[in-house]
Amino acid sequence: QALMDCQRNAILEPDRVLVVSKTWQERLRVEYGVDSSIVTNG
């Protein structure tokens, strides 16, 4: 639980959250209620 809470806070606490794919953008929205911007890898 401690690590799950730590990971959740690391997603909720930043001022802006980015992801590298649509898949993870949707997962963060559904599982954490976090809106994110997609910036793909290079």
PDB file of all heavy atoms in Angstrom:
ATOM      1  N   GLN A   1       0.822  -1.203   0.000  1.00  0.00           N
ATOM      2  CA  GLN A   1       0.000   0.000   0.000  1.00  0.00           C
ATOM      3  C   GLN A   1       0.856   1.252   0.000  1.00  0.00           C
ATOM      4  O   GLN A   1       0.521   2.254  -0.644  1.00  0.00           O
ATOM      5  CB  GLN A   1      -0.919  -0.006   1.220  1.00  0.00           C
ATOM      6  CG  GLN A   1      -1.998   1.077   1.172  1.00  0.00           C
ATOM      7  CD  GLN A   1      -2.922   0.904  -0.030  1.00  0.00           C
ATOM      8  OE1 GLN A   1      -3.424  -0.189  -0.291  1.00  0.00           O
ATOM      9  NE2 GLN A   1      -3.144   1.986  -0.776  1.00  0.00           N
ATOM     10  N   ALA A   2       1.983   1.207   0.714  1.00  0.00           N
ATOM     11  CA  ALA A   2       2.850   2.384   0.781  1.00  0.00           C
ATOM     12  C   ALA A   2       3.370   2.772  -0.602  1.00  0.00           C
ATOM     13  O   ALA A   2       3.398   3.960  -0.957  1.00  0.00           O
ATOM     14  CB  ALA A   2       4.012   2.129   1.727  1.00  0.00           C
ATOM     15  N   LEU A   3       3.771   1.782  -1.394  1.00  0.00           N
ATOM     16  CA  LEU A   3       4.277   2.073  -2.738  1.00  0.00           C
ATOM     17  C   LEU A   3       3.156   2.471  -3.688  1.00  0.00           C
ATOM     18  O   LEU A   3       3.346   3.335  -4.549  1.00  0.00           O
ATOM     19  CB  LEU A   3       5.043   0.870  -3.277  1.00  0.00           C
ATOM     20  CG  LEU A   3       6.390   0.584  -2.614  1.00  0.00           C
ATOM     21  CD1 LEU A   3       7.038  -0.654  -3.210  1.00  0.00           C
ATOM     22  CD2 LEU A   3       7.330   1.780  -2.737  1.00  0.00           C
ATOM     23  N   MET A   4       1.989   1.858  -3.537  1.00  0.00           N
ATOM     24  CA  MET A   4       0.855   2.253  -4.375  1.00  0.00           C
ATOM     25  C   MET A   4       0.442   3.690  -4.079  1.00  0.00           C
ATOM     26  O   MET A   4       0.152   4.473  -4.997  1.00  0.00           O
ATOM     27  CB  MET A   4      -0.316   1.294  -4.158  1.00  0.00           C
ATOM     28  CG  MET A   4      -0.102  -0.083  -4.767  1.00  0.00           C
ATOM     29  SD  MET A   4      -1.562  -1.164  -4.720  1.00  0.00           S
ATOM     30  CE  MET A   4      -1.568  -1.648  -2.988  1.00  0.00           C
ATOM     31  N   ASP A   5       0.441   4.062  -2.793  1.00  0.00           N
ATOM     32  CA  ASP A   5       0.114   5.439  -2.429  1.00  0.00           C
ATOM     33  C   ASP A   5       1.178   6.404  -2.937  1.00  0.00           C
ATOM     34  O   ASP A   5       0.863   7.511  -3.406  1.00  0.00           O
ATOM     35  CB  ASP A   5       0.001   5.564  -0.908  1.00  0.00           C
ATOM     36  CG  ASP A   5      -1.221   4.841  -0.348  1.00  0.00           C
ATOM     37  OD1 ASP A   5      -2.129   4.522  -1.135  1.00  0.00           O
ATOM     38  OD2 ASP A   5      -1.245   4.594   0.871  1.00  0.00           O
ATOM     39  N   CYS A   6       2.448   5.996  -2.847  1.00  0.00           N
ATOM     40  CA  CYS A   6       3.541   6.837  -3.327  1.00  0.00           C
ATOM     41  C   CYS A   6       3.407   7.092  -4.824  1.00  0.00           C
ATOM     42  O   CYS A   6       3.556   8.224  -5.295  1.00  0.00           O
ATOM     43  CB  CYS A   6       4.870   6.156  -3.003  1.00  0.00           C
ATOM     44  SG  CYS A   6       6.329   7.099  -3.510  1.00  0.00           S
ATOM     45  N   GLN A   7       3.109   6.038  -5.576  1.00  0.00           N
ATOM     46  CA  GLN A   7       2.954   6.176  -7.023  1.00  0.00           C
ATOM     47  C   GLN A   7       1.762   7.060  -7.360  1.00  0.00           C
ATOM     48  O   GLN A   7       1.830   7.909  -8.261  1.00  0.00           O
ATOM     49  CB  GLN A   7       2.788   4.794  -7.663  1.00  0.00           C
ATOM     50  CG  GLN A   7       2.617   4.829  -9.167  1.00  0.00           C
ATOM     51  CD  GLN A   7       2.784   3.458  -9.791  1.00  0.00           C
ATOM     52  OE1 GLN A   7       3.715   3.206 -10.534  1.00  0.00           O
ATOM     53  NE2 GLN A   7       1.862   2.564  -9.497  1.00  0.00           N
ATOM     54  N   ARG A   8       0.665   6.883  -6.637  1.00  0.00           N
ATOM     55  CA  ARG A   8      -0.515   7.709  -6.880  1.00  0.00           C
ATOM     56  C   ARG A   8      -0.200   9.188  -6.626  1.00  0.00           C
ATOM     57  O   ARG A   8      -0.554  10.063  -7.420  1.00  0.00           O
ATOM     58  CB  ARG A   8      -1.672   7.244  -5.996  1.00  0.00           C
ATOM     59  CG  ARG A   8      -2.911   8.140  -6.048  1.00  0.00           C
ATOM     60  CD  ARG A   8      -4.049   7.556  -5.245  1.00  0.00           C
ATOM     61  NE  ARG A   8      -4.582   6.365  -5.903  1.00  0.00           N
ATOM     62  CZ  ARG A   8      -5.494   6.383  -6.877  1.00  0.00           C
ATOM     63  NH1 ARG A   8      -5.973   7.539  -7.297  1.00  0.00           N
ATOM     64  NH2 ARG A   8      -5.924   5.272  -7.414  1.00  0.00           N
ATOM     65  N   ASN A   9       0.458   9.479  -5.521  1.00  0.00           N
ATOM     66  CA  ASN A   9       0.802  10.865  -5.213  1.00  0.00           C
ATOM     67  C   ASN A   9       1.732  11.465  -6.257  1.00  0.00           C
ATOM     68  O   ASN A   9       1.640  12.657  -6.575  1.00  0.00           O
ATOM     69  CB  ASN A   9       1.443  10.946  -3.824  1.00  0.00           C
ATOM     70  CG  ASN A   9       0.443  10.714  -2.711  1.00  0.00           C
ATOM     71  OD1 ASN A   9      -0.742  10.977  -2.877  1.00  0.00           O
ATOM     72  ND2 ASN A   9       0.911  10.200  -1.584  1.00  0.00           N
ATOM     73  N   ALA A  10       2.626  10.640  -6.802  1.00  0.00           N
ATOM     74  CA  ALA A  10       3.557  11.120  -7.826  1.00  0.00           C
ATOM     75  C   ALA A  10       2.843  11.465  -9.123  1.00  0.00           C
ATOM     76  O   ALA A  10       3.397  12.166  -9.977  1.00  0.00           O
ATOM     77  CB  ALA A  10       4.634  10.074  -8.085  1.00  0.00           C
ATOM     78  N   ILE A  11       1.607  10.997  -9.269  1.00  0.00           N
ATOM     79  CA  ILE A  11       0.787  11.339 -10.435  1.00  0.00           C
ATOM     80  C   ILE A  11      -0.107  12.535 -10.127  1.00  0.00           C
ATOM     81  O   ILE A  11      -0.361  13.373 -10.995  1.00  0.00           O
ATOM     82  CB  ILE A  11      -0.048  10.118 -10.871  1.00  0.00           C
ATOM     83  CG1 ILE A  11       0.877   8.997 -11.366  1.00  0.00           C
ATOM     84  CG2 ILE A  11      -1.049  10.495 -11.967  1.00  0.00           C
ATOM     85  CD1 ILE A  11       0.177   7.676 -11.619  1.00  0.00           C
ATOM     86  N   LEU A  12      -0.562  12.641  -8.880  1.00  0.00           N
ATOM     87  CA  LEU A  12      -1.502  13.690  -8.498  1.00  0.00           C
ATOM     88  C   LEU A  12      -0.821  15.014  -8.160  1.00  0.00           C
ATOM     89  O   LEU A  12      -1.414  16.085  -8.323  1.00  0.00           O
ATOM     90  CB  LEU A  12      -2.338  13.234  -7.295  1.00  0.00           C
ATOM     91  CG  LEU A  12      -3.220  11.998  -7.491  1.00  0.00           C
ATOM     92  CD1 LEU A  12      -3.929  11.641  -6.195  1.00  0.00           C
ATOM     93  CD2 LEU A  12      -4.237  12.221  -8.607  1.00  0.00           C
ATOM     94  N   GLU A  13       0.417  14.979  -7.678  1.00  0.00           N
ATOM     95  CA  GLU A  13       1.054  16.182  -7.137  1.00  0.00           C
ATOM     96  C   GLU A  13       1.641  17.149  -8.164  1.00  0.00           C
ATOM     97  O   GLU A  13       1.700  18.356  -7.904  1.00  0.00           O
ATOM     98  CB  GLU A  13       2.162  15.773  -6.152  1.00  0.00           C
ATOM     99  CG  GLU A  13       1.633  15.170  -4.870  1.00  0.00           C
ATOM    100  CD  GLU A  13       2.740  14.631  -3.981  1.00  0.00           C
ATOM    101  OE1 GLU A  13       3.844  14.334  -4.500  1.00  0.00           O
ATOM    102  OE2 GLU A  13       2.503  14.501  -2.762  1.00  0.00           O
ATOM    103  N   PRO A  14       2.129  16.693  -9.338  1.00  0.00           N
ATOM    104  CA  PRO A  14       2.751  17.643 -10.277  1.00  0.00           C
ATOM    105  C   PRO A  14       1.776  18.716 -10.763  1.00  0.00           C
ATOM    106  O   PRO A  14       0.552  18.535 -10.754  1.00  0.00           O
ATOM    107  CB  PRO A  14       3.195  16.734 -11.432  1.00  0.00           C
ATOM    108  CG  PRO A  14       3.390  15.403 -10.790  1.00  0.00           C
ATOM    109  CD  PRO A  14       2.306  15.299  -9.768  1.00  0.00           C
ATOM    110  N   ASP A  15       2.338  19.852 -11.212  1.00  0.00           N
ATOM    111  CA  ASP A  15       1.528  20.933 -11.759  1.00  0.00           C
ATOM    112  C   ASP A  15       1.012  20.603 -13.150  1.00  0.00           C
ATOM    113  O   ASP A  15      -0.046  21.109 -13.556  1.00  0.00           O
ATOM    114  CB  ASP A  15       2.368  22.218 -11.816  1.00  0.00           C
ATOM    115  CG  ASP A  15       2.838  22.643 -10.435  1.00  0.00           C
ATOM    116  OD1 ASP A  15       1.975  22.892  -9.573  1.00  0.00           O
ATOM    117  OD2 ASP A  15       4.065  22.690 -10.214  1.00  0.00           O
ATOM    118  N   ARG A  16       1.756  19.795 -13.877  1.00  0.00           N
ATOM    119  CA  ARG A  16       1.315  19.371 -15.216  1.00  0.00           C
ATOM    120  C   ARG A  16       1.811  17.949 -15.447  1.00  0.00           C
ATOM    121  O   ARG A  16       2.964  17.636 -15.150  1.00  0.00           O
ATOM    122  CB  ARG A  16       1.880  20.302 -16.296  1.00  0.00           C
ATOM    123  CG  ARG A  16       1.486  19.966 -17.729  1.00  0.00           C
ATOM    124  CD  ARG A  16      -0.003  20.132 -17.945  1.00  0.00           C
ATOM    125  NE  ARG A  16      -0.442  21.499 -17.756  1.00  0.00           N
ATOM    126  CZ  ARG A  16      -0.472  22.424 -18.725  1.00  0.00           C
ATOM    127  NH1 ARG A  16      -0.084  22.107 -19.945  1.00  0.00           N
ATOM    128  NH2 ARG A  16      -0.896  23.653 -18.465  1.00  0.00           N
ATOM    129  N   VAL A  17       0.946  17.110 -15.978  1.00  0.00           N
ATOM    130  CA  VAL A  17       1.297  15.713 -16.235  1.00  0.00           C
ATOM    131  C   VAL A  17       1.309  15.464 -17.744  1.00  0.00           C
ATOM    132  O   VAL A  17       0.373  15.853 -18.461  1.00  0.00           O
ATOM    133  CB  VAL A  17       0.306  14.745 -15.547  1.00  0.00           C
ATOM    134  CG1 VAL A  17       0.596  13.297 -15.943  1.00  0.00           C
ATOM    135  CG2 VAL A  17       0.378  14.897 -14.035  1.00  0.00           C
ATOM    136  N   LEU A  18       2.369  14.817 -18.205  1.00  0.00           N
ATOM    137  CA  LEU A  18       2.506  14.419 -19.602  1.00  0.00           C
ATOM    138  C   LEU A  18       2.528  12.896 -19.689  1.00  0.00           C
ATOM    139  O   LEU A  18       2.906  12.214 -18.735  1.00  0.00           O
ATOM    140  CB  LEU A  18       3.789  14.974 -20.215  1.00  0.00           C
ATOM    141  CG  LEU A  18       4.115  16.446 -19.990  1.00  0.00           C
ATOM    142  CD1 LEU A  18       5.406  16.807 -20.714  1.00  0.00           C
ATOM    143  CD2 LEU A  18       2.971  17.326 -20.464  1.00  0.00           C
ATOM    144  N   VAL A  19       2.136  12.363 -20.820  1.00  0.00           N
ATOM    145  CA  VAL A  19       2.259  10.940 -21.125  1.00  0.00           C
ATOM    146  C   VAL A  19       2.812  10.825 -22.542  1.00  0.00           C
ATOM    147  O   VAL A  19       2.835  11.799 -23.292  1.00  0.00           O
ATOM    148  CB  VAL A  19       0.905  10.200 -21.024  1.00  0.00           C
ATOM    149  CG1 VAL A  19       0.431  10.107 -19.587  1.00  0.00           C
ATOM    150  CG2 VAL A  19      -0.149  10.885 -21.896  1.00  0.00           C
ATOM    151  N   VAL A  20       3.235   9.622 -22.906  1.00  0.00           N
ATOM    152  CA  VAL A  20       3.816   9.449 -24.237  1.00  0.00           C
ATOM    153  C   VAL A  20       2.878   8.725 -25.197  1.00  0.00           C
ATOM    154  O   VAL A  20       3.241   8.480 -26.346  1.00  0.00           O
ATOM    155  CB  VAL A  20       5.175   8.702 -24.165  1.00  0.00           C
ATOM    156  CG1 VAL A  20       6.210   9.542 -23.446  1.00  0.00           C
ATOM    157  CG2 VAL A  20       5.018   7.354 -23.486  1.00  0.00           C
ATOM    158  N   SER A  21       1.662   8.374 -24.753  1.00  0.00           N
ATOM    159  CA  SER A  21       0.749   7.654 -25.639  1.00  0.00           C
ATOM    160  C   SER A  21      -0.699   7.884 -25.234  1.00  0.00           C
ATOM    161  O   SER A  21      -0.995   8.253 -24.078  1.00  0.00           O
ATOM    162  CB  SER A  21       1.047   6.150 -25.597  1.00  0.00           C
ATOM    163  OG  SER A  21       0.777   5.629 -24.295  1.00  0.00           O
ATOM    164  N   LYS A  22      -1.608   7.664 -26.177  1.00  0.00           N
ATOM    165  CA  LYS A  22      -3.042   7.783 -25.906  1.00  0.00           C
ATOM    166  C   LYS A  22      -3.486   6.746 -24.876  1.00  0.00           C
ATOM    167  O   LYS A  22      -4.382   7.009 -24.078  1.00  0.00           O
ATOM    168  CB  LYS A  22      -3.834   7.590 -27.201  1.00  0.00           C
ATOM    169  CG  LYS A  22      -3.615   8.666 -28.244  1.00  0.00           C
ATOM    170  CD  LYS A  22      -4.384   8.356 -29.515  1.00  0.00           C
ATOM    171  CE  LYS A  22      -4.121   9.404 -30.589  1.00  0.00           C
ATOM    172  NZ  LYS A  22      -4.815   9.046 -31.866  1.00  0.00           N
ATOM    173  N   THR A  23      -2.872   5.560 -24.932  1.00  0.00           N
ATOM    174  CA  THR A  23      -3.225   4.495 -24.000  1.00  0.00           C
ATOM    175  C   THR A  23      -3.071   4.947 -22.558  1.00  0.00           C
ATOM    176  O   THR A  23      -3.970   4.774 -21.726  1.00  0.00           O
ATOM    177  CB  THR A  23      -2.339   3.260 -24.254  1.00  0.00           C
ATOM    178  OG1 THR A  23      -2.544   2.805 -25.601  1.00  0.00           O
ATOM    179  CG2 THR A  23      -2.674   2.144 -23.282  1.00  0.00           C
ATOM    180  N   TRP A  24      -1.922   5.556 -22.246  1.00  0.00           N
ATOM    181  CA  TRP A  24      -1.683   5.976 -20.875  1.00  0.00           C
ATOM    182  C   TRP A  24      -2.436   7.251 -20.539  1.00  0.00           C
ATOM    183  O   TRP A  24      -2.781   7.490 -19.373  1.00  0.00           O
ATOM    184  CB  TRP A  24      -0.190   6.109 -20.616  1.00  0.00           C
ATOM    185  CG  TRP A  24       0.419   4.751 -20.488  1.00  0.00           C
ATOM    186  CD1 TRP A  24       1.138   4.071 -21.428  1.00  0.00           C
ATOM    187  CD2 TRP A  24       0.287   3.871 -19.366  1.00  0.00           C
ATOM    188  NE1 TRP A  24       1.480   2.821 -20.960  1.00  0.00           N
ATOM    189  CE2 TRP A  24       0.974   2.671 -19.704  1.00  0.00           C
ATOM    190  CE3 TRP A  24      -0.328   3.969 -18.130  1.00  0.00           C
ATOM    191  CZ2 TRP A  24       1.054   1.588 -18.827  1.00  0.00           C
ATOM    192  CZ3 TRP A  24      -0.248   2.893 -17.254  1.00  0.00           C
ATOM    193  CH2 TRP A  24       0.436   1.720 -17.608  1.00  0.00           C
ATOM    194  N   GLN A  25      -2.740   8.070 -21.514  1.00  0.00           N
ATOM    195  CA  GLN A  25      -3.573   9.239 -21.258  1.00  0.00           C
ATOM    196  C   GLN A  25      -4.945   8.804 -20.762  1.00  0.00           C
ATOM    197  O   GLN A  25      -5.479   9.343 -19.788  1.00  0.00           O
ATOM    198  CB  GLN A  25      -3.714  10.076 -22.527  1.00  0.00           C
ATOM    199  CG  GLN A  25      -4.517  11.352 -22.324  1.00  0.00           C
ATOM    200  CD  GLN A  25      -4.716  12.105 -23.625  1.00  0.00           C
ATOM    201  OE1 GLN A  25      -5.140  11.545 -24.635  1.00  0.00           O
ATOM    202  NE2 GLN A  25      -4.393  13.396 -23.600  1.00  0.00           N
ATOM    203  N   GLU A  26      -5.513   7.799 -21.406  1.00  0.00           N
ATOM    204  CA  GLU A  26      -6.825   7.302 -21.006  1.00  0.00           C
ATOM    205  C   GLU A  26      -6.777   6.615 -19.646  1.00  0.00           C
ATOM    206  O   GLU A  26      -7.672   6.783 -18.814  1.00  0.00           O
ATOM    207  CB  GLU A  26      -7.360   6.347 -22.081  1.00  0.00           C
ATOM    208  CG  GLU A  26      -8.722   5.743 -21.785  1.00  0.00           C
ATOM    209  CD  GLU A  26      -9.837   6.784 -21.743  1.00  0.00           C
ATOM    210  OE1 GLU A  26      -9.613   7.941 -22.143  1.00  0.00           O
ATOM    211  OE2 GLU A  26     -10.944   6.427 -21.287  1.00  0.00           O
ATOM    212  N   ARG A  27      -5.717   5.842 -19.399  1.00  0.00           N
ATOM    213  CA  ARG A  27      -5.613   5.153 -18.116  1.00  0.00           C
ATOM    214  C   ARG A  27      -5.495   6.138 -16.957  1.00  0.00           C
ATOM    215  O   ARG A  27      -6.097   5.945 -15.900  1.00  0.00           O
ATOM    216  CB  ARG A  27      -4.429   4.192 -18.122  1.00  0.00           C
ATOM    217  CG  ARG A  27      -4.688   2.922 -18.914  1.00  0.00           C
ATOM    218  CD  ARG A  27      -3.689   1.839 -18.580  1.00  0.00           C
ATOM    219  NE  ARG A  27      -3.667   1.494 -17.168  1.00  0.00           N
ATOM    220  CZ  ARG A  27      -2.914   0.527 -16.651  1.00  0.00           C
ATOM    221  NH1 ARG A  27      -2.114  -0.169 -17.447  1.00  0.00           N
ATOM    222  NH2 ARG A  27      -2.942   0.266 -15.354  1.00  0.00           N
ATOM    223  N   LEU A  28      -4.720   7.196 -17.135  1.00  0.00           N
ATOM    224  CA  LEU A  28      -4.595   8.180 -16.063  1.00  0.00           C
ATOM    225  C   LEU A  28      -5.921   8.891 -15.814  1.00  0.00           C
ATOM    226  O   LEU A  28      -6.277   9.192 -14.664  1.00  0.00           O
ATOM    227  CB  LEU A  28      -3.510   9.206 -16.386  1.00  0.00           C
ATOM    228  CG  LEU A  28      -2.060   8.732 -16.403  1.00  0.00           C
ATOM    229  CD1 LEU A  28      -1.120   9.926 -16.391  1.00  0.00           C
ATOM    230  CD2 LEU A  28      -1.739   7.806 -15.254  1.00  0.00           C
ATOM    231  N   ARG A  29      -6.660   9.146 -16.878  1.00  0.00           N
ATOM    232  CA  ARG A  29      -7.964   9.813 -16.719  1.00  0.00           C
ATOM    233  C   ARG A  29      -8.937   8.917 -15.965  1.00  0.00           C
ATOM    234  O   ARG A  29      -9.622   9.369 -15.032  1.00  0.00           O
ATOM    235  CB  ARG A  29      -8.541  10.163 -18.096  1.00  0.00           C
ATOM    236  CG  ARG A  29      -9.820  10.995 -18.031  1.00  0.00           C
ATOM    237  CD  ARG A  29     -10.440  11.158 -19.403  1.00  0.00           C
ATOM    238  NE  ARG A  29     -10.907   9.871 -19.929  1.00  0.00           N
ATOM    239  CZ  ARG A  29     -12.044   9.297 -19.556  1.00  0.00           C
ATOM    240  NH1 ARG A  29     -12.833   9.862 -18.659  1.00  0.00           N
ATOM    241  NH2 ARG A  29     -12.400   8.137 -20.094  1.00  0.00           N
ATOM    242  N   VAL A  30      -8.992   7.619 -16.345  1.00  0.00           N
ATOM    243  CA  VAL A  30      -9.956   6.697 -15.749  1.00  0.00           C
ATOM    244  C   VAL A  30      -9.551   6.287 -14.335  1.00  0.00           C
ATOM    245  O   VAL A  30     -10.370   6.274 -13.411  1.00  0.00           O
ATOM    246  CB  VAL A  30     -10.119   5.448 -16.645  1.00  0.00           C
ATOM    247  CG1 VAL A  30     -10.954   4.380 -15.949  1.00  0.00           C
ATOM    248  CG2 VAL A  30     -10.752   5.830 -17.975  1.00  0.00           C
ATOM    249  N   GLU A  31      -8.262   5.946 -14.147  1.00  0.00           N
ATOM    250  CA  GLU A  31      -7.826   5.367 -12.882  1.00  0.00           C
ATOM    251  C   GLU A  31      -7.419   6.397 -11.839  1.00  0.00           C
ATOM    252  O   GLU A  31      -7.469   6.115 -10.637  1.00  0.00           O
ATOM    253  CB  GLU A  31      -6.660   4.410 -13.141  1.00  0.00           C
ATOM    254  CG  GLU A  31      -7.032   3.224 -14.019  1.00  0.00           C
ATOM    255  CD  GLU A  31      -5.854   2.327 -14.356  1.00  0.00           C
ATOM    256  OE1 GLU A  31      -4.820   2.417 -13.651  1.00  0.00           O
ATOM    257  OE2 GLU A  31      -5.957   1.557 -15.324  1.00  0.00           O
ATOM    258  N   TYR A  32      -7.018   7.604 -12.290  1.00  0.00           N
ATOM    259  CA  TYR A  32      -6.533   8.601 -11.342  1.00  0.00           C
ATOM    260  C   TYR A  32      -7.278   9.931 -11.429  1.00  0.00           C
ATOM    261  O   TYR A  32      -7.037  10.821 -10.615  1.00  0.00           O
ATOM    262  CB  TYR A  32      -5.037   8.855 -11.554  1.00  0.00           C
ATOM    263  CG  TYR A  32      -4.183   7.648 -11.284  1.00  0.00           C
ATOM    264  CD1 TYR A  32      -3.906   6.722 -12.285  1.00  0.00           C
ATOM    265  CD2 TYR A  32      -3.652   7.408 -10.016  1.00  0.00           C
ATOM    266  CE1 TYR A  32      -3.122   5.605 -12.043  1.00  0.00           C
ATOM    267  CE2 TYR A  32      -2.863   6.296  -9.753  1.00  0.00           C
ATOM    268  CZ  TYR A  32      -2.605   5.392 -10.773  1.00  0.00           C
ATOM    269  OH  TYR A  32      -1.842   4.281 -10.522  1.00  0.00           O
ATOM    270  N   GLY A  33      -8.152  10.074 -12.421  1.00  0.00           N
ATOM    271  CA  GLY A  33      -8.851  11.332 -12.588  1.00  0.00           C
ATOM    272  C   GLY A  33      -7.944  12.473 -12.997  1.00  0.00           C
ATOM    273  O   GLY A  33      -8.225  13.635 -12.707  1.00  0.00           O
ATOM    274  N   VAL A  34      -6.856  12.169 -13.682  1.00  0.00           N
ATOM    275  CA  VAL A  34      -5.853  13.166 -14.059  1.00  0.00           C
ATOM    276  C   VAL A  34      -5.888  13.402 -15.570  1.00  0.00           C
ATOM    277  O   VAL A  34      -5.833  12.449 -16.354  1.00  0.00           O
ATOM    278  CB  VAL A  34      -4.442  12.703 -13.637  1.00  0.00           C
ATOM    279  CG1 VAL A  34      -3.363  13.595 -14.255  1.00  0.00           C
ATOM    280  CG2 VAL A  34      -4.317  12.706 -12.123  1.00  0.00           C
ATOM    281  N   ASP A  35      -5.997  14.655 -15.962  1.00  0.00           N
ATOM    282  CA  ASP A  35      -5.879  15.020 -17.373  1.00  0.00           C
ATOM    283  C   ASP A  35      -4.409  15.210 -17.711  1.00  0.00           C
ATOM    284  O   ASP A  35      -3.661  15.829 -16.943  1.00  0.00           O
ATOM    285  CB  ASP A  35      -6.646  16.314 -17.658  1.00  0.00           C
ATOM    286  CG  ASP A  35      -8.150  16.124 -17.541  1.00  0.00           C
ATOM    287  OD1 ASP A  35      -8.629  15.023 -17.862  1.00  0.00           O
ATOM    288  OD2 ASP A  35      -8.836  17.072 -17.109  1.00  0.00           O
ATOM    289  N   SER A  36      -3.990  14.692 -18.844  1.00  0.00           N
ATOM    290  CA  SER A  36      -2.580  14.758 -19.236  1.00  0.00           C
ATOM    291  C   SER A  36      -2.458  15.145 -20.696  1.00  0.00           C
ATOM    292  O   SER A  36      -3.404  15.011 -21.472  1.00  0.00           O
ATOM    293  CB  SER A  36      -1.889  13.410 -18.988  1.00  0.00           C
ATOM    294  OG  SER A  36      -2.549  12.380 -19.698  1.00  0.00           O
ATOM    295  N   SER A  37      -1.278  15.614 -21.057  1.00  0.00           N
ATOM    296  CA  SER A  37      -0.980  15.967 -22.445  1.00  0.00           C
ATOM    297  C   SER A  37      -0.057  14.917 -23.039  1.00  0.00           C
ATOM    298  O   SER A  37       0.856  14.426 -22.378  1.00  0.00           O
ATOM    299  CB  SER A  37      -0.290  17.337 -22.515  1.00  0.00           C
ATOM    300  OG  SER A  37      -1.096  18.334 -21.924  1.00  0.00           O
ATOM    301  N   ILE A  38      -0.291  14.573 -24.302  1.00  0.00           N
ATOM    302  CA  ILE A  38       0.534  13.572 -24.981  1.00  0.00           C
ATOM    303  C   ILE A  38       1.721  14.252 -25.648  1.00  0.00           C
ATOM    304  O   ILE A  38       1.559  15.189 -26.423  1.00  0.00           O
ATOM    305  CB  ILE A  38      -0.272  12.801 -26.042  1.00  0.00           C
ATOM    306  CG1 ILE A  38      -1.443  12.058 -25.394  1.00  0.00           C
ATOM    307  CG2 ILE A  38       0.625  11.830 -26.803  1.00  0.00           C
ATOM    308  CD1 ILE A  38      -2.369  11.394 -26.398  1.00  0.00           C
ATOM    309  N   VAL A  39       2.915  13.787 -25.315  1.00  0.00           N
ATOM    310  CA  VAL A  39       4.134  14.195 -26.013  1.00  0.00           C
ATOM    311  C   VAL A  39       4.872  12.907 -26.358  1.00  0.00           C
ATOM    312  O   VAL A  39       5.404  12.235 -25.481  1.00  0.00           O
ATOM    313  CB  VAL A  39       5.029  15.103 -25.157  1.00  0.00           C
ATOM    314  CG1 VAL A  39       6.249  15.526 -25.953  1.00  0.00           C
ATOM    315  CG2 VAL A  39       4.257  16.322 -24.679  1.00  0.00           C
ATOM    316  N   THR A  40       4.907  12.552 -27.607  1.00  0.00           N
ATOM    317  CA  THR A  40       5.444  11.262 -28.015  1.00  0.00           C
ATOM    318  C   THR A  40       6.958  11.199 -27.849  1.00  0.00           C
ATOM    319  O   THR A  40       7.643  12.231 -27.794  1.00  0.00           O
ATOM    320  CB  THR A  40       5.089  10.956 -29.482  1.00  0.00           C
ATOM    321  OG1 THR A  40       5.557  12.028 -30.308  1.00  0.00           O
ATOM    322  CG2 THR A  40       3.586  10.820 -29.651  1.00  0.00           C
ATOM    323  N   ASN A  41       7.464   9.987 -27.785  1.00  0.00           N
ATOM    324  CA  ASN A  41       8.903   9.763 -27.726  1.00  0.00           C
ATOM    325  C   ASN A  41       9.558  10.109 -29.053  1.00  0.00           C
ATOM    326  O   ASN A  41       8.888  10.224 -30.096  1.00  0.00           O
ATOM    327  CB  ASN A  41       9.191   8.294 -27.397  1.00  0.00           C
ATOM    328  CG  ASN A  41       9.605   8.112 -25.947  1.00  0.00           C
ATOM    329  OD1 ASN A  41      10.435   8.848 -25.436  1.00  0.00           O
ATOM    330  ND2 ASN A  41       9.020   7.129 -25.290  1.00  0.00           N
ATOM    331  N   GLY A  42      10.868  10.223 -29.027  1.00  0.00           N
ATOM    332  CA  GLY A  42      11.616  10.477 -30.244  1.00  0.00           C
ATOM    333  C   GLY A  42      12.753   9.492 -30.406  1.00  0.00           C
ATOM    334  O   GLY A  42      12.977   8.628 -29.562  1.00  0.00           O
TER     335      GLY A  42
END
